[in-house]
């Protein structure tokens, strides 16, 4: 799973963890599920960062892989690459599409709430981006 935090100790880098190795907070928000494994890879963001940057659903979080040193406990750390998050402003058409998507918090997810459908994933299929089994 991916988690985009609000900063401080991890420097706001997106972190990739094996399934079950990171406890999602009650206020964290599920941004989507990447279709890169059979079960999917959830992408979470801290609640405060979601409120500050994504609440009005005007910005898309883009996770890139770039050369460099990975962060802390993230799976890419020993691979010579790191994940980097960028923001991209949605077009008016995209904003209209995401307005209808319900916001799922960590608390709601723990109670069984799930996204209605998996959305479109835009990826360049970079080899080795997050190679851990069950990530």
N, C-alpha and C. Protein backbone atom coordinates (compact mmCIF):
# COMPACT_ATOMS: atom_id res chain seq x y z
N UNK A 1 0.83 -1.17 0.00
CA UNK A 1 0.00 0.00 0.00
C UNK A 1 0.88 1.24 0.00
N UNK A 2 0.33 2.32 -0.53
CA UNK A 2 1.02 3.61 -0.50
C UNK A 2 0.36 4.48 0.56
N UNK A 3 1.19 5.31 1.20
CA UNK A 3 0.66 6.32 2.12
C UNK A 3 1.41 7.62 1.87
N UNK A 4 0.66 8.67 1.60
CA UNK A 4 1.21 10.02 1.44
C UNK A 4 0.92 10.77 2.73
N UNK A 5 1.97 11.06 3.48
CA UNK A 5 1.75 11.70 4.79
C UNK A 5 1.73 13.21 4.66
N UNK A 6 1.51 13.84 5.78
CA UNK A 6 1.45 15.30 5.81
C UNK A 6 2.77 15.95 6.16
N UNK A 7 3.85 15.21 6.20
CA UNK A 7 5.14 15.82 6.46
C UNK A 7 5.73 15.40 7.78
N UNK A 8 6.66 16.20 8.27
CA UNK A 8 7.38 16.00 9.52
C UNK A 8 8.52 15.01 9.30
N UNK A 9 8.49 13.90 9.99
CA UNK A 9 9.63 12.98 10.02
C UNK A 9 9.95 12.32 8.69
N UNK A 10 8.95 12.04 7.87
CA UNK A 10 9.22 11.34 6.61
C UNK A 10 9.33 12.30 5.43
N UNK A 11 9.24 13.60 5.66
CA UNK A 11 9.45 14.58 4.60
C UNK A 11 8.38 14.60 3.53
N UNK A 12 7.21 14.10 3.80
CA UNK A 12 6.08 14.10 2.86
C UNK A 12 6.30 13.23 1.63
N UNK A 13 7.19 12.29 1.70
CA UNK A 13 7.39 11.37 0.58
C UNK A 13 6.31 10.31 0.61
N UNK A 14 5.84 9.89 -0.58
CA UNK A 14 4.92 8.75 -0.58
C UNK A 14 5.70 7.50 -0.17
N UNK A 15 5.12 6.72 0.70
CA UNK A 15 5.79 5.53 1.20
C UNK A 15 5.03 4.29 0.75
N UNK A 16 5.75 3.24 0.36
CA UNK A 16 5.16 1.99 -0.09
C UNK A 16 5.48 0.91 0.95
N UNK A 17 4.43 0.27 1.46
CA UNK A 17 4.59 -0.73 2.51
C UNK A 17 3.94 -2.05 2.08
N UNK A 18 4.47 -3.19 2.56
CA UNK A 18 3.77 -4.45 2.34
C UNK A 18 2.41 -4.39 3.03
N UNK A 19 1.45 -5.11 2.49
CA UNK A 19 0.11 -5.14 3.06
C UNK A 19 0.18 -5.53 4.53
N UNK A 20 -0.45 -4.73 5.39
CA UNK A 20 -0.49 -5.01 6.81
C UNK A 20 0.63 -4.43 7.63
N UNK A 21 1.66 -3.85 6.99
CA UNK A 21 2.79 -3.30 7.73
C UNK A 21 2.58 -1.85 8.18
N UNK A 22 1.54 -1.20 7.71
CA UNK A 22 1.26 0.19 8.09
C UNK A 22 -0.19 0.29 8.53
N UNK A 23 -0.41 0.85 9.69
CA UNK A 23 -1.77 1.02 10.19
C UNK A 23 -2.32 2.36 9.71
N UNK A 24 -3.38 2.31 8.94
CA UNK A 24 -4.02 3.51 8.44
C UNK A 24 -4.79 4.16 9.58
N UNK A 25 -4.68 5.48 9.70
CA UNK A 25 -5.38 6.20 10.75
C UNK A 25 -6.86 6.38 10.43
N UNK A 26 -7.67 6.60 11.45
CA UNK A 26 -9.10 6.78 11.26
C UNK A 26 -9.43 7.94 10.34
N UNK A 27 -8.60 8.99 10.34
CA UNK A 27 -8.86 10.18 9.53
C UNK A 27 -8.16 10.15 8.18
N UNK A 28 -7.29 9.16 7.94
CA UNK A 28 -6.66 9.05 6.63
C UNK A 28 -7.73 8.84 5.57
N UNK A 29 -7.43 9.24 4.34
CA UNK A 29 -8.40 9.17 3.25
C UNK A 29 -7.86 8.28 2.13
N UNK A 30 -8.70 7.36 1.65
CA UNK A 30 -8.35 6.50 0.53
C UNK A 30 -8.52 7.28 -0.76
N UNK A 31 -7.41 7.54 -1.46
CA UNK A 31 -7.48 8.27 -2.73
C UNK A 31 -7.85 7.37 -3.89
N UNK A 32 -7.50 6.10 -3.80
CA UNK A 32 -7.80 5.18 -4.88
C UNK A 32 -7.10 3.86 -4.68
N UNK A 33 -7.32 2.96 -5.62
CA UNK A 33 -6.69 1.64 -5.59
C UNK A 33 -6.04 1.41 -6.94
N UNK A 34 -4.72 1.23 -6.93
CA UNK A 34 -3.98 1.01 -8.18
C UNK A 34 -4.18 -0.42 -8.65
N UNK A 35 -4.45 -0.59 -9.91
CA UNK A 35 -4.66 -1.91 -10.50
C UNK A 35 -3.34 -2.52 -10.96
N UNK A 36 -2.38 -2.65 -10.05
CA UNK A 36 -1.08 -3.21 -10.42
C UNK A 36 -0.86 -4.61 -9.85
N UNK A 37 -1.78 -5.07 -9.02
CA UNK A 37 -1.78 -6.45 -8.53
C UNK A 37 -3.22 -6.93 -8.57
N UNK A 38 -3.41 -8.22 -8.41
CA UNK A 38 -4.77 -8.77 -8.46
C UNK A 38 -5.68 -8.14 -7.40
N UNK A 39 -5.13 -7.96 -6.18
CA UNK A 39 -5.96 -7.39 -5.12
C UNK A 39 -5.93 -5.86 -5.09
N UNK A 40 -5.07 -5.26 -5.90
CA UNK A 40 -4.98 -3.80 -5.94
C UNK A 40 -4.08 -3.26 -4.85
N UNK A 41 -3.57 -2.07 -5.06
CA UNK A 41 -2.70 -1.40 -4.10
C UNK A 41 -3.39 -0.10 -3.67
N UNK A 42 -3.88 -0.04 -2.43
CA UNK A 42 -4.56 1.18 -1.98
C UNK A 42 -3.57 2.33 -1.81
N UNK A 43 -4.04 3.54 -2.13
CA UNK A 43 -3.26 4.76 -1.97
C UNK A 43 -3.98 5.64 -0.94
N UNK A 44 -3.33 5.86 0.18
CA UNK A 44 -3.90 6.63 1.29
C UNK A 44 -3.16 7.95 1.44
N UNK A 45 -3.84 8.93 2.02
CA UNK A 45 -3.23 10.22 2.33
C UNK A 45 -3.68 10.61 3.73
N UNK A 46 -2.82 11.32 4.45
CA UNK A 46 -3.21 11.74 5.80
C UNK A 46 -4.41 12.67 5.72
N UNK A 47 -5.28 12.57 6.71
CA UNK A 47 -6.49 13.40 6.73
C UNK A 47 -6.20 14.89 6.65
N UNK A 48 -5.25 15.41 7.46
CA UNK A 48 -4.96 16.84 7.38
C UNK A 48 -4.43 17.28 6.01
N UNK A 49 -3.60 16.44 5.37
CA UNK A 49 -3.10 16.82 4.05
C UNK A 49 -4.22 16.77 3.02
N UNK A 50 -5.11 15.80 3.15
CA UNK A 50 -6.26 15.74 2.24
C UNK A 50 -7.10 17.01 2.38
N UNK A 51 -7.35 17.42 3.62
CA UNK A 51 -8.15 18.63 3.86
C UNK A 51 -7.47 19.86 3.27
N UNK A 52 -6.15 19.94 3.40
CA UNK A 52 -5.42 21.12 2.93
C UNK A 52 -5.30 21.19 1.42
N UNK A 53 -5.12 20.05 0.74
CA UNK A 53 -4.80 20.09 -0.69
C UNK A 53 -5.82 19.42 -1.60
N UNK A 54 -6.58 18.47 -1.11
CA UNK A 54 -7.40 17.67 -2.02
C UNK A 54 -8.89 17.72 -1.71
N UNK A 55 -9.27 18.38 -0.61
CA UNK A 55 -10.67 18.35 -0.16
C UNK A 55 -11.63 18.81 -1.23
N UNK A 56 -11.29 19.86 -1.92
CA UNK A 56 -12.18 20.37 -2.97
C UNK A 56 -12.05 19.57 -4.26
N UNK A 57 -11.25 18.51 -4.21
CA UNK A 57 -11.06 17.60 -5.34
C UNK A 57 -10.65 18.33 -6.61
N UNK A 58 -9.66 19.22 -6.45
CA UNK A 58 -9.16 19.95 -7.60
C UNK A 58 -7.75 19.52 -8.00
N UNK A 59 -7.11 18.69 -7.18
CA UNK A 59 -5.73 18.30 -7.44
C UNK A 59 -5.59 16.78 -7.47
N UNK A 60 -4.89 16.30 -8.47
CA UNK A 60 -4.59 14.87 -8.58
C UNK A 60 -3.21 14.62 -7.98
N UNK A 61 -3.09 13.59 -7.16
CA UNK A 61 -1.80 13.18 -6.63
C UNK A 61 -1.15 12.26 -7.66
N UNK A 62 0.05 12.61 -8.09
CA UNK A 62 0.81 11.81 -9.05
C UNK A 62 2.03 11.26 -8.32
N UNK A 63 2.20 9.95 -8.32
CA UNK A 63 3.35 9.33 -7.67
C UNK A 63 4.30 8.88 -8.76
N UNK A 64 5.51 9.45 -8.74
CA UNK A 64 6.55 9.12 -9.71
C UNK A 64 7.65 8.30 -9.04
N UNK A 65 8.44 7.63 -9.87
CA UNK A 65 9.65 6.94 -9.42
C UNK A 65 10.82 7.67 -10.05
N UNK A 66 11.77 8.13 -9.22
CA UNK A 66 12.93 8.86 -9.73
C UNK A 66 14.19 8.28 -9.10
N UNK A 67 15.34 8.46 -9.76
CA UNK A 67 16.59 8.01 -9.15
C UNK A 67 16.83 8.73 -7.83
N UNK A 68 17.42 8.03 -6.88
CA UNK A 68 17.73 8.65 -5.60
C UNK A 68 17.58 7.67 -4.47
N UNK A 69 17.71 8.20 -3.27
CA UNK A 69 17.64 7.37 -2.08
C UNK A 69 16.21 7.34 -1.55
N UNK A 70 15.68 6.15 -1.35
CA UNK A 70 14.33 6.00 -0.83
C UNK A 70 14.21 6.45 0.61
N UNK A 71 12.99 6.59 1.06
CA UNK A 71 12.72 7.13 2.40
C UNK A 71 12.49 6.03 3.42
N UNK A 72 13.17 6.13 4.54
CA UNK A 72 12.92 5.33 5.72
C UNK A 72 12.59 3.88 5.47
N UNK A 73 11.35 3.51 5.81
CA UNK A 73 10.92 2.13 5.75
C UNK A 73 10.21 1.77 4.45
N UNK A 74 10.15 2.69 3.50
CA UNK A 74 9.47 2.44 2.25
C UNK A 74 10.20 1.36 1.45
N UNK A 75 9.44 0.54 0.74
CA UNK A 75 10.01 -0.63 0.06
C UNK A 75 11.07 -0.32 -0.98
N UNK A 76 11.03 0.87 -1.57
CA UNK A 76 11.99 1.18 -2.62
C UNK A 76 13.33 1.62 -2.07
N UNK A 77 13.46 1.84 -0.76
CA UNK A 77 14.66 2.41 -0.15
C UNK A 77 15.96 1.74 -0.62
N UNK A 78 16.07 0.42 -0.67
CA UNK A 78 17.35 -0.19 -1.08
C UNK A 78 17.53 -0.31 -2.60
N UNK A 79 16.60 0.18 -3.39
CA UNK A 79 16.61 -0.05 -4.83
C UNK A 79 17.31 1.03 -5.64
N UNK A 80 17.76 2.12 -5.00
CA UNK A 80 18.41 3.20 -5.75
C UNK A 80 17.42 4.14 -6.42
N UNK A 81 16.16 4.03 -6.04
CA UNK A 81 15.12 4.93 -6.55
C UNK A 81 14.30 5.40 -5.36
N UNK A 82 13.48 6.41 -5.61
CA UNK A 82 12.58 6.87 -4.56
C UNK A 82 11.27 7.29 -5.19
N UNK A 83 10.23 7.26 -4.39
CA UNK A 83 8.93 7.74 -4.84
C UNK A 83 8.87 9.24 -4.58
N UNK A 84 8.28 9.95 -5.50
CA UNK A 84 8.15 11.39 -5.42
C UNK A 84 6.71 11.75 -5.75
N UNK A 85 6.09 12.56 -4.93
CA UNK A 85 4.71 12.96 -5.22
C UNK A 85 4.69 14.34 -5.85
N UNK A 86 3.79 14.48 -6.77
CA UNK A 86 3.57 15.75 -7.46
C UNK A 86 2.07 15.98 -7.50
N UNK A 87 1.69 17.20 -7.69
CA UNK A 87 0.27 17.52 -7.84
C UNK A 87 -0.01 18.01 -9.25
N UNK A 88 -1.19 17.70 -9.73
CA UNK A 88 -1.64 18.18 -11.04
C UNK A 88 -3.08 18.63 -10.89
N UNK A 89 -3.37 19.82 -11.38
CA UNK A 89 -4.73 20.34 -11.28
C UNK A 89 -5.62 19.60 -12.27
N UNK A 90 -6.78 19.14 -11.79
CA UNK A 90 -7.74 18.46 -12.65
C UNK A 90 -8.32 19.43 -13.67
N UNK A 91 -8.66 18.91 -14.82
CA UNK A 91 -9.43 19.68 -15.80
C UNK A 91 -10.86 19.79 -15.28
N UNK A 92 -11.65 20.66 -15.86
CA UNK A 92 -13.05 20.80 -15.44
C UNK A 92 -13.80 19.48 -15.61
N UNK A 93 -13.51 18.74 -16.68
CA UNK A 93 -14.18 17.46 -16.91
C UNK A 93 -13.79 16.45 -15.83
N UNK A 94 -12.52 16.41 -15.48
CA UNK A 94 -12.06 15.49 -14.43
C UNK A 94 -12.67 15.87 -13.08
N UNK A 95 -12.75 17.16 -12.78
CA UNK A 95 -13.36 17.61 -11.52
C UNK A 95 -14.80 17.11 -11.41
N UNK A 96 -15.52 17.19 -12.52
CA UNK A 96 -16.92 16.73 -12.51
C UNK A 96 -16.99 15.24 -12.23
N UNK A 97 -16.04 14.47 -12.76
CA UNK A 97 -16.03 13.02 -12.53
C UNK A 97 -15.74 12.67 -11.08
N UNK A 98 -14.77 13.33 -10.46
CA UNK A 98 -14.38 12.96 -9.10
C UNK A 98 -15.34 13.49 -8.04
N UNK A 99 -16.16 14.47 -8.37
CA UNK A 99 -17.12 14.99 -7.39
C UNK A 99 -18.08 13.90 -6.90
N UNK A 100 -18.39 12.93 -7.74
CA UNK A 100 -19.33 11.88 -7.37
C UNK A 100 -18.71 10.72 -6.62
N UNK A 101 -17.41 10.73 -6.43
CA UNK A 101 -16.73 9.63 -5.74
C UNK A 101 -16.78 9.88 -4.23
N UNK A 102 -17.30 8.93 -3.45
CA UNK A 102 -17.38 9.16 -2.00
C UNK A 102 -15.99 9.18 -1.35
N UNK A 103 -15.86 9.97 -0.30
CA UNK A 103 -14.63 10.03 0.48
C UNK A 103 -14.67 8.89 1.50
N UNK A 104 -13.66 8.03 1.46
CA UNK A 104 -13.59 6.89 2.38
C UNK A 104 -12.42 7.11 3.33
N UNK A 105 -12.73 7.25 4.60
CA UNK A 105 -11.69 7.43 5.62
C UNK A 105 -11.21 6.08 6.12
N UNK A 106 -10.13 6.10 6.88
CA UNK A 106 -9.63 4.87 7.48
C UNK A 106 -10.65 4.21 8.38
N UNK A 107 -11.40 5.03 9.12
CA UNK A 107 -12.45 4.50 10.00
C UNK A 107 -13.55 3.82 9.18
N UNK A 108 -13.99 4.47 8.11
CA UNK A 108 -15.03 3.87 7.26
C UNK A 108 -14.52 2.59 6.60
N UNK A 109 -13.25 2.58 6.19
CA UNK A 109 -12.66 1.39 5.56
C UNK A 109 -12.62 0.24 6.56
N UNK A 110 -12.24 0.54 7.81
CA UNK A 110 -12.19 -0.49 8.85
C UNK A 110 -13.58 -1.08 9.11
N UNK A 111 -14.61 -0.29 8.87
CA UNK A 111 -15.99 -0.76 9.05
C UNK A 111 -16.54 -1.47 7.82
N UNK A 112 -15.70 -1.60 6.78
CA UNK A 112 -16.10 -2.37 5.61
C UNK A 112 -16.44 -1.56 4.37
N UNK A 113 -16.41 -0.24 4.45
CA UNK A 113 -16.73 0.57 3.27
C UNK A 113 -15.60 0.46 2.25
N UNK A 114 -15.97 0.33 0.99
CA UNK A 114 -15.00 0.21 -0.10
C UNK A 114 -15.42 1.10 -1.26
N UNK A 115 -14.47 1.44 -2.13
CA UNK A 115 -14.84 2.22 -3.32
C UNK A 115 -15.82 1.42 -4.17
N UNK A 116 -16.78 2.09 -4.83
CA UNK A 116 -17.76 1.36 -5.63
C UNK A 116 -17.14 0.63 -6.82
N UNK A 117 -16.18 1.24 -7.48
CA UNK A 117 -15.50 0.62 -8.62
C UNK A 117 -14.07 1.12 -8.63
N UNK A 118 -13.22 0.36 -9.26
CA UNK A 118 -11.86 0.84 -9.45
C UNK A 118 -11.85 1.81 -10.61
N UNK A 119 -11.15 2.89 -10.43
CA UNK A 119 -11.06 3.90 -11.48
C UNK A 119 -9.96 3.60 -12.47
N UNK A 120 -9.86 4.46 -13.44
CA UNK A 120 -8.82 4.34 -14.45
C UNK A 120 -7.47 4.65 -13.81
N UNK A 121 -6.47 3.87 -14.13
CA UNK A 121 -5.12 4.08 -13.62
C UNK A 121 -4.24 4.48 -14.78
N UNK A 122 -3.53 5.57 -14.61
CA UNK A 122 -2.59 6.02 -15.63
C UNK A 122 -1.20 5.72 -15.10
N UNK A 123 -0.48 4.83 -15.78
CA UNK A 123 0.85 4.45 -15.34
C UNK A 123 1.72 4.17 -16.55
N UNK A 124 3.00 4.37 -16.38
CA UNK A 124 3.90 4.04 -17.48
C UNK A 124 4.51 2.66 -17.30
N UNK A 125 4.02 1.92 -16.30
CA UNK A 125 4.48 0.56 -16.02
C UNK A 125 5.99 0.46 -15.86
N UNK A 126 6.56 1.41 -15.12
CA UNK A 126 7.99 1.39 -14.86
C UNK A 126 8.36 0.08 -14.18
N UNK A 127 9.32 -0.66 -14.74
CA UNK A 127 9.68 -1.95 -14.14
C UNK A 127 10.26 -1.76 -12.75
N UNK A 128 9.83 -2.61 -11.84
CA UNK A 128 10.40 -2.60 -10.50
C UNK A 128 9.93 -1.47 -9.61
N UNK A 129 8.84 -0.80 -9.97
CA UNK A 129 8.41 0.36 -9.19
C UNK A 129 8.11 -0.01 -7.74
N UNK A 130 7.47 -1.12 -7.51
CA UNK A 130 7.17 -1.55 -6.14
C UNK A 130 7.07 -3.07 -6.18
N UNK A 131 8.22 -3.73 -6.23
CA UNK A 131 8.29 -5.15 -6.53
C UNK A 131 7.92 -6.08 -5.40
N UNK A 132 7.66 -5.59 -4.22
CA UNK A 132 7.40 -6.49 -3.10
C UNK A 132 6.10 -7.24 -3.31
N UNK A 133 6.13 -8.52 -3.05
CA UNK A 133 4.93 -9.34 -3.15
C UNK A 133 3.94 -8.91 -2.08
N UNK A 134 2.68 -8.73 -2.49
CA UNK A 134 1.64 -8.35 -1.54
C UNK A 134 1.66 -6.89 -1.15
N UNK A 135 2.40 -6.06 -1.88
CA UNK A 135 2.49 -4.63 -1.54
C UNK A 135 1.18 -3.94 -1.79
